[in-house]
Amino acid sequence: MRSVSVLIVENDFIQSANLQKGLENLEYEVAGVANTGELAIDMASQKQPDVVIMDIDLDGLMDGIETANQIHERHGTPIIYLSQYDDVKTYRSARRHIRAEYVTKPLSIINVLNAIDNLLFKPNPQDKQPLPKINDRIFVKQGNGHYAVFLKDITFIEANREVAIIHHTTSEKPSTVSVNLGTLEEKLKGFTYLARCSRSHMENLKKVTQNKDQMVENPATGKRTQKRVLEIGGKVIVISEKFKSQITSRFHLH
């Protein structure tokens, strides 16, 4: 098992020498020592250390925070900041946007080792993946609680202004959710069998029993025209022209 590689960036020769000696005595590999930000960036690119110990106050044009940001942006290397300042403002500024630890001077080798351990060997909270959601159902509010509507049981969903009404096989009474149909469609977009077929309807394509042309009356004008419709459990739903080819292509038509 190889040693942990450390780049020391410190403009105080005595402190950098003492830190290097302490780390090497504990079998850490010191990849190099730099006293300016510019040199540190070059050495980080060449040596690819596991961690950089970075003094905030450096010689040259760049301070330790700017140097660390550039190294982290290029290589993702975790940073241990060293500083004589222990105020909260400096601490927050140093840790912003990157994974870092902060050790105040005068240095204790134990504090440095603890910082290395925290960065390299303890889980990064930012790396935690959210637990997967139960995605075979949605929960609909009823009274003081929520009850499940399984997606496979949904027959169709219709819009009613700013709510969506979910019809399903488990109950004769549909369920109402307080989101519009567009928002609900976005939440269900991973379930391709639940498809939008008109401005006001989504259908469970697995529940379709008929896909046919039928004379349909326009309620506004009373005029009857031929439309493509889907039938689910006795309910006839007109497919709008916008979704017609998309919907019909999903079926095997002979």
Foldseek 3Di string as FASTA:
>chain_A
DAAAEEEEAAQDPVLVVVLVVVCVVVVHHHQYYHQALVVSLVSCVVRVGQEYEFEQDGPDDHGRQVSVVVSCVVRVHEYEYEEQDDDPVVVCSSCPPHHYHYDYPPDDSVVVVVRVCCVPPDDDPVPDDDDDDPPQWDWADDDPRTDTDGPVFWFKWFFDPAKIWTDGDVDPHTTIDRGGPVVVCVVCVVPVQFADQDPTMTGRVVQWPDWDWDWDADVVPRDTDIFTWTDGPNDIDGGDPVCVVVSVVVDDDD
